[in-house]
Amino acid sequence: MPGPLPATCCAGDGFSRGWLCGATMTGPSGGIMAITINDSCTGCTACVRACPVAAISGARSQRHRIDPSRCIGCGACGRVCPVSAVLDSEGRAIVRLKRAAWMQPAFDLASCIGCACCVAACPVECLVMEGGQPGGLGETPHLAKPETCVSCELCVEICPVDCVVMGSGIPVGKADGNAAGEGAA
């Protein structure tokens, strides 16, 4: 993903499926992601498989590299690295976590305006709009595929009314994602 994402509707490139709401996305650090892989990388490819945007390259048993123009800064690569070779923007190793402990979005449906910005921003298509009336009126976001969520927080950043929060302790496969703060740390 090149730097800040344009605020265009329905980009249709298969990756950024439309940046709505007039927001410019820059990712969690406010610019090009600064996640790096250090020399302790063993080339196990766990990070390659975890990356939702194919930003990591490298051959098996060789040090891998992150393409900063594609990286969304979600940290999924670091959370699966068995040797703590993935570093955040401050040079600290990203802590390895079991998938069940990854944070997931929850929604304050009373504040939600049904704009679907969070759904459009999701790089792994784990959010959907549900409910409401025919034609989409009154639909609200839900975490439909919690097992694919990578905790990138793009849904949180793009929400124009701040109704999306990330929580931990929501068991993967059990989250309905419809109560803000549910399991929030």
N, C-alpha and C. Protein backbone atom coordinates (compact mmCIF):
# COMPACT_ATOMS: atom_id res chain seq x y z
N MET A 1 0.84 -1.16 0.00
CA MET A 1 0.00 0.00 0.00
C MET A 1 0.89 1.23 0.00
N PRO A 2 0.81 2.09 -0.96
CA PRO A 2 1.68 3.25 -1.02
C PRO A 2 1.26 4.34 -0.06
N GLY A 3 2.12 4.65 0.93
CA GLY A 3 1.91 5.76 1.84
C GLY A 3 0.46 5.92 2.26
N PRO A 4 0.00 7.18 2.41
CA PRO A 4 -1.39 7.40 2.75
C PRO A 4 -2.30 6.95 1.61
N LEU A 5 -3.38 6.31 1.96
CA LEU A 5 -4.30 5.82 0.95
C LEU A 5 -5.23 6.94 0.51
N PRO A 6 -5.51 7.03 -0.76
CA PRO A 6 -6.40 8.08 -1.24
C PRO A 6 -7.82 7.88 -0.74
N ALA A 7 -8.51 8.95 -0.53
CA ALA A 7 -9.90 8.87 -0.09
C ALA A 7 -10.80 8.80 -1.31
N THR A 8 -10.76 7.68 -1.99
CA THR A 8 -11.59 7.50 -3.16
C THR A 8 -12.60 6.41 -2.88
N CYS A 9 -13.68 6.42 -3.61
CA CYS A 9 -14.71 5.43 -3.41
C CYS A 9 -14.52 4.28 -4.39
N CYS A 10 -14.57 3.07 -3.86
CA CYS A 10 -14.56 1.87 -4.69
C CYS A 10 -13.36 1.79 -5.61
N ALA A 11 -12.17 1.78 -5.03
CA ALA A 11 -10.94 1.67 -5.81
C ALA A 11 -10.94 0.39 -6.64
N GLY A 12 -11.54 -0.67 -6.11
CA GLY A 12 -11.74 -1.89 -6.87
C GLY A 12 -10.47 -2.60 -7.28
N ASP A 13 -9.38 -2.40 -6.56
CA ASP A 13 -8.13 -3.05 -6.94
C ASP A 13 -7.97 -4.41 -6.27
N GLY A 14 -8.99 -4.88 -5.57
CA GLY A 14 -8.92 -6.18 -4.93
C GLY A 14 -8.24 -6.13 -3.58
N PHE A 15 -7.61 -5.01 -3.25
CA PHE A 15 -6.95 -4.89 -1.96
C PHE A 15 -7.63 -3.82 -1.13
N SER A 16 -7.64 -2.61 -1.60
CA SER A 16 -8.34 -1.55 -0.88
C SER A 16 -9.68 -1.37 -1.56
N ARG A 17 -10.66 -2.09 -1.08
CA ARG A 17 -11.95 -2.15 -1.76
C ARG A 17 -12.79 -0.91 -1.54
N GLY A 18 -12.21 0.23 -1.66
CA GLY A 18 -12.99 1.46 -1.56
C GLY A 18 -12.75 2.18 -0.25
N TRP A 19 -12.14 3.32 -0.27
CA TRP A 19 -11.92 4.10 0.94
C TRP A 19 -13.00 5.15 0.98
N LEU A 20 -13.94 4.97 1.89
CA LEU A 20 -15.11 5.80 1.96
C LEU A 20 -14.95 6.87 3.03
N CYS A 21 -15.93 7.67 3.18
CA CYS A 21 -16.06 8.64 4.26
C CYS A 21 -15.11 9.83 4.15
N GLY A 22 -14.39 9.98 3.06
CA GLY A 22 -13.52 11.13 2.89
C GLY A 22 -12.28 11.11 3.77
N ALA A 23 -11.95 9.98 4.37
CA ALA A 23 -10.78 9.90 5.24
C ALA A 23 -9.55 9.51 4.45
N THR A 24 -8.39 9.90 4.92
CA THR A 24 -7.13 9.47 4.34
C THR A 24 -6.50 8.52 5.33
N MET A 25 -6.23 7.29 4.90
CA MET A 25 -5.67 6.30 5.80
C MET A 25 -4.16 6.32 5.71
N THR A 26 -3.52 6.38 6.86
CA THR A 26 -2.07 6.33 6.89
C THR A 26 -1.56 5.18 7.73
N GLY A 27 -2.43 4.45 8.35
CA GLY A 27 -2.01 3.34 9.18
C GLY A 27 -1.76 3.78 10.60
N PRO A 28 -1.53 2.83 11.50
CA PRO A 28 -1.40 3.11 12.92
C PRO A 28 -0.28 4.07 13.30
N SER A 29 0.81 4.11 12.54
CA SER A 29 1.91 4.99 12.91
C SER A 29 1.83 6.36 12.25
N GLY A 30 0.79 6.60 11.43
CA GLY A 30 0.62 7.89 10.81
C GLY A 30 1.41 8.07 9.53
N GLY A 31 2.04 7.08 9.02
CA GLY A 31 2.80 7.19 7.78
C GLY A 31 3.15 5.81 7.26
N ILE A 32 4.17 5.74 6.44
CA ILE A 32 4.59 4.44 5.93
C ILE A 32 5.04 3.60 7.11
N MET A 33 4.61 2.36 7.14
CA MET A 33 4.88 1.49 8.27
C MET A 33 6.38 1.27 8.46
N ALA A 34 6.78 1.22 9.70
CA ALA A 34 8.19 1.05 10.02
C ALA A 34 8.47 -0.29 10.66
N ILE A 35 7.70 -1.30 10.33
CA ILE A 35 7.96 -2.65 10.85
C ILE A 35 9.09 -3.24 10.01
N THR A 36 10.04 -3.86 10.70
CA THR A 36 11.20 -4.43 10.01
C THR A 36 11.46 -5.85 10.50
N ILE A 37 12.24 -6.57 9.73
CA ILE A 37 12.67 -7.91 10.11
C ILE A 37 14.18 -7.87 10.27
N ASN A 38 14.69 -8.32 11.43
CA ASN A 38 16.12 -8.24 11.68
C ASN A 38 16.86 -9.51 11.25
N ASP A 39 18.17 -9.54 11.52
CA ASP A 39 19.03 -10.64 11.09
C ASP A 39 18.74 -11.97 11.77
N SER A 40 17.97 -11.97 12.84
CA SER A 40 17.69 -13.25 13.50
C SER A 40 16.61 -14.06 12.76
N CYS A 41 16.07 -13.50 11.69
CA CYS A 41 15.07 -14.20 10.88
C CYS A 41 15.65 -15.51 10.35
N THR A 42 14.91 -16.60 10.51
CA THR A 42 15.37 -17.91 10.05
C THR A 42 14.75 -18.30 8.71
N GLY A 43 13.85 -17.46 8.20
CA GLY A 43 13.21 -17.78 6.92
C GLY A 43 12.17 -18.87 7.02
N CYS A 44 11.48 -18.94 8.14
CA CYS A 44 10.49 -20.01 8.35
C CYS A 44 9.21 -19.79 7.54
N THR A 45 8.98 -18.59 7.06
CA THR A 45 7.83 -18.15 6.25
C THR A 45 6.53 -17.96 7.04
N ALA A 46 6.56 -18.05 8.36
CA ALA A 46 5.34 -17.82 9.14
C ALA A 46 4.81 -16.41 8.91
N CYS A 47 5.71 -15.43 8.81
CA CYS A 47 5.29 -14.05 8.60
C CYS A 47 4.66 -13.85 7.22
N VAL A 48 5.19 -14.52 6.23
CA VAL A 48 4.64 -14.44 4.87
C VAL A 48 3.20 -14.93 4.86
N ARG A 49 2.94 -16.02 5.54
CA ARG A 49 1.59 -16.59 5.57
C ARG A 49 0.63 -15.72 6.38
N ALA A 50 1.14 -15.01 7.39
CA ALA A 50 0.29 -14.18 8.25
C ALA A 50 -0.02 -12.81 7.66
N CYS A 51 0.80 -12.32 6.76
CA CYS A 51 0.62 -10.97 6.22
C CYS A 51 -0.62 -10.90 5.33
N PRO A 52 -1.57 -10.01 5.67
CA PRO A 52 -2.80 -9.93 4.89
C PRO A 52 -2.67 -9.20 3.56
N VAL A 53 -1.55 -8.53 3.35
CA VAL A 53 -1.40 -7.72 2.14
C VAL A 53 -0.19 -8.10 1.29
N ALA A 54 0.37 -9.28 1.52
CA ALA A 54 1.52 -9.77 0.75
C ALA A 54 2.67 -8.76 0.71
N ALA A 55 2.98 -8.19 1.87
CA ALA A 55 4.06 -7.20 1.96
C ALA A 55 5.41 -7.83 2.29
N ILE A 56 5.45 -9.13 2.54
CA ILE A 56 6.69 -9.79 2.97
C ILE A 56 7.15 -10.76 1.90
N SER A 57 8.44 -10.71 1.63
CA SER A 57 9.01 -11.63 0.63
C SER A 57 10.28 -12.25 1.18
N GLY A 58 10.68 -13.35 0.58
CA GLY A 58 11.90 -14.03 0.98
C GLY A 58 11.78 -15.52 0.77
N ALA A 59 12.89 -16.13 0.47
CA ALA A 59 12.91 -17.57 0.25
C ALA A 59 13.02 -18.30 1.58
N ARG A 60 12.53 -19.51 1.63
CA ARG A 60 12.63 -20.33 2.83
C ARG A 60 14.10 -20.42 3.25
N SER A 61 14.33 -20.35 4.54
CA SER A 61 15.66 -20.42 5.17
C SER A 61 16.53 -19.21 4.89
N GLN A 62 15.96 -18.14 4.35
CA GLN A 62 16.69 -16.89 4.16
C GLN A 62 15.92 -15.76 4.83
N ARG A 63 16.65 -14.70 5.18
CA ARG A 63 16.02 -13.55 5.84
C ARG A 63 14.94 -12.96 4.92
N HIS A 64 13.80 -12.68 5.53
CA HIS A 64 12.69 -12.08 4.80
C HIS A 64 12.74 -10.56 4.90
N ARG A 65 12.03 -9.90 4.00
CA ARG A 65 11.99 -8.44 3.95
C ARG A 65 10.54 -7.97 3.84
N ILE A 66 10.28 -6.79 4.41
CA ILE A 66 8.95 -6.18 4.35
C ILE A 66 9.00 -5.01 3.39
N ASP A 67 8.05 -4.98 2.47
CA ASP A 67 7.92 -3.86 1.53
C ASP A 67 7.12 -2.76 2.24
N PRO A 68 7.78 -1.65 2.62
CA PRO A 68 7.09 -0.60 3.38
C PRO A 68 5.97 0.08 2.59
N SER A 69 6.00 -0.02 1.28
CA SER A 69 4.93 0.61 0.50
C SER A 69 3.64 -0.22 0.53
N ARG A 70 3.72 -1.49 0.95
CA ARG A 70 2.53 -2.35 1.04
C ARG A 70 2.11 -2.60 2.48
N CYS A 71 3.04 -2.50 3.42
CA CYS A 71 2.77 -2.82 4.82
C CYS A 71 1.71 -1.90 5.41
N ILE A 72 0.74 -2.48 6.11
CA ILE A 72 -0.30 -1.70 6.78
C ILE A 72 -0.03 -1.58 8.28
N GLY A 73 1.08 -2.13 8.75
CA GLY A 73 1.48 -1.99 10.14
C GLY A 73 0.64 -2.76 11.14
N CYS A 74 0.01 -3.83 10.71
CA CYS A 74 -0.87 -4.58 11.60
C CYS A 74 -0.10 -5.40 12.64
N GLY A 75 1.13 -5.76 12.34
CA GLY A 75 1.94 -6.53 13.27
C GLY A 75 1.66 -8.02 13.29
N ALA A 76 0.80 -8.50 12.40
CA ALA A 76 0.50 -9.93 12.36
C ALA A 76 1.77 -10.75 12.15
N CYS A 77 2.69 -10.23 11.36
CA CYS A 77 3.94 -10.94 11.09
C CYS A 77 4.73 -11.16 12.38
N GLY A 78 4.76 -10.15 13.23
CA GLY A 78 5.50 -10.28 14.49
C GLY A 78 4.82 -11.18 15.49
N ARG A 79 3.50 -11.19 15.48
CA ARG A 79 2.76 -12.02 16.43
C ARG A 79 2.89 -13.51 16.13
N VAL A 80 3.36 -13.87 14.92
CA VAL A 80 3.55 -15.28 14.58
C VAL A 80 5.02 -15.68 14.50
N CYS A 81 5.93 -14.73 14.62
CA CYS A 81 7.36 -15.02 14.46
C CYS A 81 7.91 -15.82 15.64
N PRO A 82 8.44 -17.01 15.38
CA PRO A 82 8.93 -17.86 16.47
C PRO A 82 10.27 -17.42 17.06
N VAL A 83 10.97 -16.51 16.39
CA VAL A 83 12.28 -16.08 16.89
C VAL A 83 12.35 -14.59 17.21
N SER A 84 11.20 -13.93 17.27
CA SER A 84 11.12 -12.49 17.60
C SER A 84 11.98 -11.63 16.69
N ALA A 85 11.97 -11.93 15.40
CA ALA A 85 12.78 -11.20 14.43
C ALA A 85 12.07 -9.98 13.85
N VAL A 86 10.80 -9.80 14.17
CA VAL A 86 10.04 -8.67 13.63
C VAL A 86 10.01 -7.55 14.66
N LEU A 87 10.43 -6.36 14.22
CA LEU A 87 10.56 -5.22 15.12
C LEU A 87 9.55 -4.14 14.77
N ASP A 88 9.06 -3.44 15.81
CA ASP A 88 8.14 -2.33 15.57
C ASP A 88 8.92 -1.07 15.20
N SER A 89 8.23 0.05 15.08
CA SER A 89 8.86 1.29 14.64
C SER A 89 9.90 1.82 15.62
N GLU A 90 9.87 1.34 16.85
CA GLU A 90 10.84 1.77 17.86
C GLU A 90 11.94 0.74 18.07
N GLY A 91 12.00 -0.27 17.21
CA GLY A 91 13.06 -1.27 17.29
C GLY A 91 12.82 -2.37 18.31
N ARG A 92 11.61 -2.44 18.87
CA ARG A 92 11.28 -3.47 19.85
C ARG A 92 10.68 -4.68 19.13
N ALA A 93 11.03 -5.87 19.62
CA ALA A 93 10.45 -7.09 19.05
C ALA A 93 8.95 -7.10 19.32
N ILE A 94 8.17 -7.44 18.29
CA ILE A 94 6.72 -7.58 18.46
C ILE A 94 6.49 -8.90 19.17
N VAL A 95 5.67 -8.85 20.20
CA VAL A 95 5.44 -10.01 21.05
C VAL A 95 4.63 -11.07 20.31
N ARG A 96 5.11 -12.30 20.40
CA ARG A 96 4.40 -13.42 19.78
C ARG A 96 3.17 -13.74 20.63
N LEU A 97 2.03 -13.90 19.97
CA LEU A 97 0.78 -14.21 20.65
C LEU A 97 0.06 -15.34 19.94
N LYS A 98 -0.63 -16.14 20.71
CA LYS A 98 -1.50 -17.14 20.09
C LYS A 98 -2.63 -16.40 19.40
N ARG A 99 -3.10 -16.92 18.32
CA ARG A 99 -4.13 -16.27 17.51
C ARG A 99 -5.37 -15.92 18.34
N ALA A 100 -5.72 -16.76 19.28
CA ALA A 100 -6.90 -16.51 20.11
C ALA A 100 -6.77 -15.26 20.97
N ALA A 101 -5.55 -14.78 21.19
CA ALA A 101 -5.32 -13.59 22.01
C ALA A 101 -5.25 -12.30 21.21
N TRP A 102 -5.32 -12.37 19.89
CA TRP A 102 -5.26 -11.17 19.05
C TRP A 102 -6.51 -10.32 19.29
N MET A 103 -6.37 -9.03 19.30
CA MET A 103 -7.50 -8.13 19.49
C MET A 103 -8.43 -8.18 18.27
N GLN A 104 -9.70 -7.95 18.52
CA GLN A 104 -10.70 -7.96 17.46
C GLN A 104 -11.65 -6.78 17.64
N PRO A 105 -12.26 -6.33 16.55
CA PRO A 105 -13.15 -5.18 16.67
C PRO A 105 -14.49 -5.53 17.31
N ALA A 106 -15.00 -4.57 18.04
CA ALA A 106 -16.35 -4.64 18.58
C ALA A 106 -17.00 -3.30 18.24
N PHE A 107 -18.31 -3.27 18.16
CA PHE A 107 -19.02 -2.11 17.65
C PHE A 107 -20.04 -1.58 18.64
N ASP A 108 -20.08 -0.26 18.80
CA ASP A 108 -21.13 0.40 19.56
C ASP A 108 -22.23 0.70 18.55
N LEU A 109 -23.17 -0.22 18.43
CA LEU A 109 -24.21 -0.12 17.40
C LEU A 109 -25.15 1.06 17.63
N ALA A 110 -25.24 1.55 18.84
CA ALA A 110 -26.08 2.72 19.10
C ALA A 110 -25.48 3.98 18.48
N SER A 111 -24.16 4.01 18.33
CA SER A 111 -23.49 5.17 17.73
C SER A 111 -23.24 5.00 16.24
N CYS A 112 -23.29 3.78 15.75
CA CYS A 112 -22.97 3.47 14.35
C CYS A 112 -23.97 4.14 13.41
N ILE A 113 -23.45 4.73 12.33
CA ILE A 113 -24.32 5.36 11.34
C ILE A 113 -24.50 4.48 10.10
N GLY A 114 -23.94 3.29 10.11
CA GLY A 114 -24.13 2.35 9.01
C GLY A 114 -23.44 2.73 7.72
N CYS A 115 -22.34 3.47 7.79
CA CYS A 115 -21.67 3.96 6.58
C CYS A 115 -20.84 2.89 5.87
N ALA A 116 -20.49 1.81 6.54
CA ALA A 116 -19.70 0.69 6.01
C ALA A 116 -18.24 1.03 5.74
N CYS A 117 -17.75 2.13 6.28
CA CYS A 117 -16.33 2.47 6.12
C CYS A 117 -15.44 1.37 6.68
N CYS A 118 -15.81 0.83 7.84
CA CYS A 118 -15.01 -0.21 8.47
C CYS A 118 -14.95 -1.46 7.58
N VAL A 119 -16.05 -1.81 6.96
CA VAL A 119 -16.11 -2.98 6.08
C VAL A 119 -15.20 -2.77 4.87
N ALA A 120 -15.26 -1.56 4.29
CA ALA A 120 -14.45 -1.26 3.12
C ALA A 120 -12.96 -1.23 3.45
N ALA A 121 -12.60 -0.83 4.67
CA ALA A 121 -11.20 -0.71 5.05
C ALA A 121 -10.54 -2.04 5.39
N CYS A 122 -11.32 -3.05 5.69
CA CYS A 122 -10.79 -4.33 6.16
C CYS A 122 -10.01 -5.06 5.06
N PRO A 123 -8.71 -5.29 5.25
CA PRO A 123 -7.91 -5.94 4.22
C PRO A 123 -8.16 -7.45 4.10
N VAL A 124 -8.83 -8.04 5.08
CA VAL A 124 -9.06 -9.48 5.04
C VAL A 124 -10.54 -9.83 4.92
N GLU A 125 -11.38 -8.84 4.71
CA GLU A 125 -12.80 -9.05 4.49
C GLU A 125 -13.49 -9.85 5.60
N CYS A 126 -13.13 -9.54 6.85
CA CYS A 126 -13.75 -10.26 7.96
C CYS A 126 -14.98 -9.54 8.52
N LEU A 127 -15.21 -8.31 8.07
CA LEU A 127 -16.38 -7.55 8.52
C LEU A 127 -17.44 -7.53 7.43
N VAL A 128 -18.69 -7.56 7.84
CA VAL A 128 -19.82 -7.47 6.91
C VAL A 128 -20.89 -6.55 7.51
N MET A 129 -21.74 -6.04 6.63
CA MET A 129 -22.90 -5.28 7.07
C MET A 129 -24.08 -6.26 7.12
N GLU A 130 -24.85 -6.20 8.20
CA GLU A 130 -25.98 -7.13 8.38
C GLU A 130 -27.18 -6.39 8.93
N GLY A 131 -28.30 -7.08 8.88
CA GLY A 131 -29.53 -6.55 9.45
C GLY A 131 -30.12 -5.48 8.57
N GLY A 132 -30.96 -4.68 9.15
CA GLY A 132 -31.56 -3.59 8.42
C GLY A 132 -32.67 -4.03 7.49
N GLN A 133 -33.00 -3.16 6.58
CA GLN A 133 -34.09 -3.37 5.65
C GLN A 133 -33.54 -3.66 4.25
N PRO A 134 -34.38 -4.15 3.35
CA PRO A 134 -33.93 -4.36 1.97
C PRO A 134 -33.33 -3.08 1.40
N GLY A 135 -32.23 -3.22 0.71
CA GLY A 135 -31.53 -2.06 0.15
C GLY A 135 -30.43 -1.54 1.05
N GLY A 136 -30.28 -2.11 2.23
CA GLY A 136 -29.18 -1.74 3.10
C GLY A 136 -29.49 -0.74 4.18
N LEU A 137 -30.66 -0.12 4.17
CA LEU A 137 -30.99 0.87 5.18
C LEU A 137 -31.03 0.23 6.56
N GLY A 138 -30.28 0.80 7.48
CA GLY A 138 -30.26 0.30 8.84
C GLY A 138 -29.28 -0.82 9.10
N GLU A 139 -28.47 -1.18 8.10
CA GLU A 139 -27.47 -2.23 8.32
C GLU A 139 -26.39 -1.76 9.28
N THR A 140 -25.80 -2.70 10.00
CA THR A 140 -24.71 -2.41 10.92
C THR A 140 -23.58 -3.42 10.72
N PRO A 141 -22.35 -3.03 11.10
CA PRO A 141 -21.21 -3.93 10.90
C PRO A 141 -21.16 -5.04 11.94
N HIS A 142 -20.65 -6.17 11.50
CA HIS A 142 -20.45 -7.32 12.38
C HIS A 142 -19.17 -8.04 11.98
N LEU A 143 -18.52 -8.63 12.95
CA LEU A 143 -17.33 -9.44 12.70
C LEU A 143 -17.80 -10.82 12.28
N ALA A 144 -17.86 -11.05 10.96
CA ALA A 144 -18.39 -12.30 10.43
C ALA A 144 -17.38 -13.43 10.43
N LYS A 145 -16.09 -13.09 10.27
CA LYS A 145 -15.05 -14.12 10.22
C LYS A 145 -13.94 -13.76 11.21
N PRO A 146 -14.18 -13.95 12.50
CA PRO A 146 -13.19 -13.56 13.50
C PRO A 146 -11.86 -14.29 13.34
N GLU A 147 -11.90 -15.49 12.78
CA GLU A 147 -10.66 -16.26 12.62
C GLU A 147 -9.74 -15.66 11.58
N THR A 148 -10.22 -14.75 10.73
CA THR A 148 -9.35 -14.13 9.73
C THR A 148 -8.91 -12.73 10.11
N CYS A 149 -9.47 -12.14 11.17
CA CYS A 149 -9.09 -10.79 11.60
C CYS A 149 -7.62 -10.77 12.01
N VAL A 150 -6.87 -9.76 11.51
CA VAL A 150 -5.44 -9.65 11.82
C VAL A 150 -5.14 -8.51 12.79
N SER A 151 -6.16 -7.94 13.41
CA SER A 151 -5.98 -6.87 14.41
C SER A 151 -5.29 -5.64 13.84
N CYS A 152 -5.56 -5.32 12.59
CA CYS A 152 -4.85 -4.20 11.95
C CYS A 152 -5.34 -2.83 12.43
N GLU A 153 -6.53 -2.76 12.96
CA GLU A 153 -7.15 -1.55 13.47
C GLU A 153 -7.53 -0.53 12.40
N LEU A 154 -7.50 -0.90 11.13
CA LEU A 154 -7.91 0.03 10.08
C LEU A 154 -9.38 0.38 10.24
N CYS A 155 -10.19 -0.55 10.72
CA CYS A 155 -11.61 -0.28 10.94
C CYS A 155 -11.80 0.80 12.01
N VAL A 156 -10.96 0.76 13.04
CA VAL A 156 -11.03 1.74 14.12
C VAL A 156 -10.65 3.12 13.59
N GLU A 157 -9.57 3.17 12.82
CA GLU A 157 -9.07 4.45 12.32
C GLU A 157 -10.01 5.14 11.35
N ILE A 158 -10.71 4.37 10.53
CA ILE A 158 -11.54 4.99 9.50
C ILE A 158 -12.94 5.35 9.97
N CYS A 159 -13.39 4.81 11.09
CA CYS A 159 -14.75 5.06 11.56
C CYS A 159 -14.95 6.55 11.86
N PRO A 160 -15.89 7.20 11.17
CA PRO A 160 -16.09 8.64 11.37
C PRO A 160 -16.79 9.00 12.68
N VAL A 161 -17.38 8.01 13.37
CA VAL A 161 -18.08 8.30 14.62
C VAL A 161 -17.48 7.55 15.82
N ASP A 162 -16.31 6.96 15.63
CA ASP A 162 -15.59 6.28 16.71
C ASP A 162 -16.41 5.20 17.40
N CYS A 163 -17.16 4.42 16.64
CA CYS A 163 -17.96 3.37 17.27
C CYS A 163 -17.26 2.01 17.24
N VAL A 164 -16.06 1.94 16.67
CA VAL A 164 -15.33 0.68 16.62
C VAL A 164 -14.19 0.72 17.63
N VAL A 165 -14.11 -0.29 18.47
CA VAL A 165 -13.02 -0.42 19.43
C VAL A 165 -12.40 -1.80 19.27
N MET A 166 -11.13 -1.90 19.61
CA MET A 166 -10.46 -3.20 19.58
C MET A 166 -10.43 -3.74 20.98
N GLY A 167 -10.77 -5.02 21.12
CA GLY A 167 -10.77 -5.66 22.42
C GLY A 167 -9.97 -6.93 22.38
N SER A 168 -9.45 -7.31 23.52
CA SER A 168 -8.75 -8.59 23.62
C SER A 168 -9.58 -9.51 24.49
N GLY A 169 -9.27 -10.76 24.43
CA GLY A 169 -10.01 -11.71 25.23
C GLY A 169 -11.32 -12.14 24.60
N ILE A 170 -11.58 -11.70 23.36
CA ILE A 170 -12.76 -12.17 22.65
C ILE A 170 -12.33 -13.46 21.96
N PRO A 171 -12.82 -14.60 22.38
CA PRO A 171 -12.35 -15.84 21.81
C PRO A 171 -12.57 -15.90 20.30
N VAL A 172 -11.53 -16.28 19.56
CA VAL A 172 -11.64 -16.42 18.11
C VAL A 172 -12.71 -17.45 17.82
N GLY A 173 -13.60 -17.11 16.89
CA GLY A 173 -14.69 -17.99 16.54
C GLY A 173 -15.91 -17.81 17.40
N LYS A 174 -15.81 -17.05 18.49
CA LYS A 174 -16.93 -16.85 19.39
C LYS A 174 -17.40 -15.39 19.39
N ALA A 175 -16.61 -14.49 18.78
CA ALA A 175 -16.95 -13.06 18.83
C ALA A 175 -18.10 -12.75 17.91
N ASP A 176 -19.06 -11.98 18.43
CA ASP A 176 -20.10 -11.51 17.53
C ASP A 176 -19.83 -10.07 17.15
N GLY A 177 -18.85 -9.45 17.85
CA GLY A 177 -18.39 -8.13 17.47
C GLY A 177 -19.45 -7.06 17.55
N ASN A 178 -20.46 -7.21 18.40
CA ASN A 178 -21.48 -6.20 18.40
C ASN A 178 -21.67 -5.48 19.73
N ALA A 179 -20.70 -5.60 20.60
CA ALA A 179 -20.78 -4.87 21.85
C ALA A 179 -19.49 -4.11 22.07
N ALA A 180 -19.52 -2.82 21.99
CA ALA A 180 -18.31 -2.02 22.12
C ALA A 180 -17.66 -2.27 23.47
N GLY A 181 -16.37 -2.44 23.43
CA GLY A 181 -15.61 -2.64 24.65
C GLY A 181 -15.66 -4.04 25.18
N GLU A 182 -16.40 -4.92 24.53
CA GLU A 182 -16.49 -6.30 24.99
C GLU A 182 -15.10 -6.91 25.05
N GLY A 183 -14.66 -7.22 26.22
CA GLY A 183 -13.33 -7.80 26.39
C GLY A 183 -12.22 -6.79 26.24
N ALA A 184 -12.52 -5.51 26.21
CA ALA A 184 -11.47 -4.50 26.02
C ALA A 184 -10.53 -4.51 27.19
N ALA A 185 -9.27 -4.32 26.89
CA ALA A 185 -8.25 -4.32 27.92
C ALA A 185 -8.23 -3.02 28.65
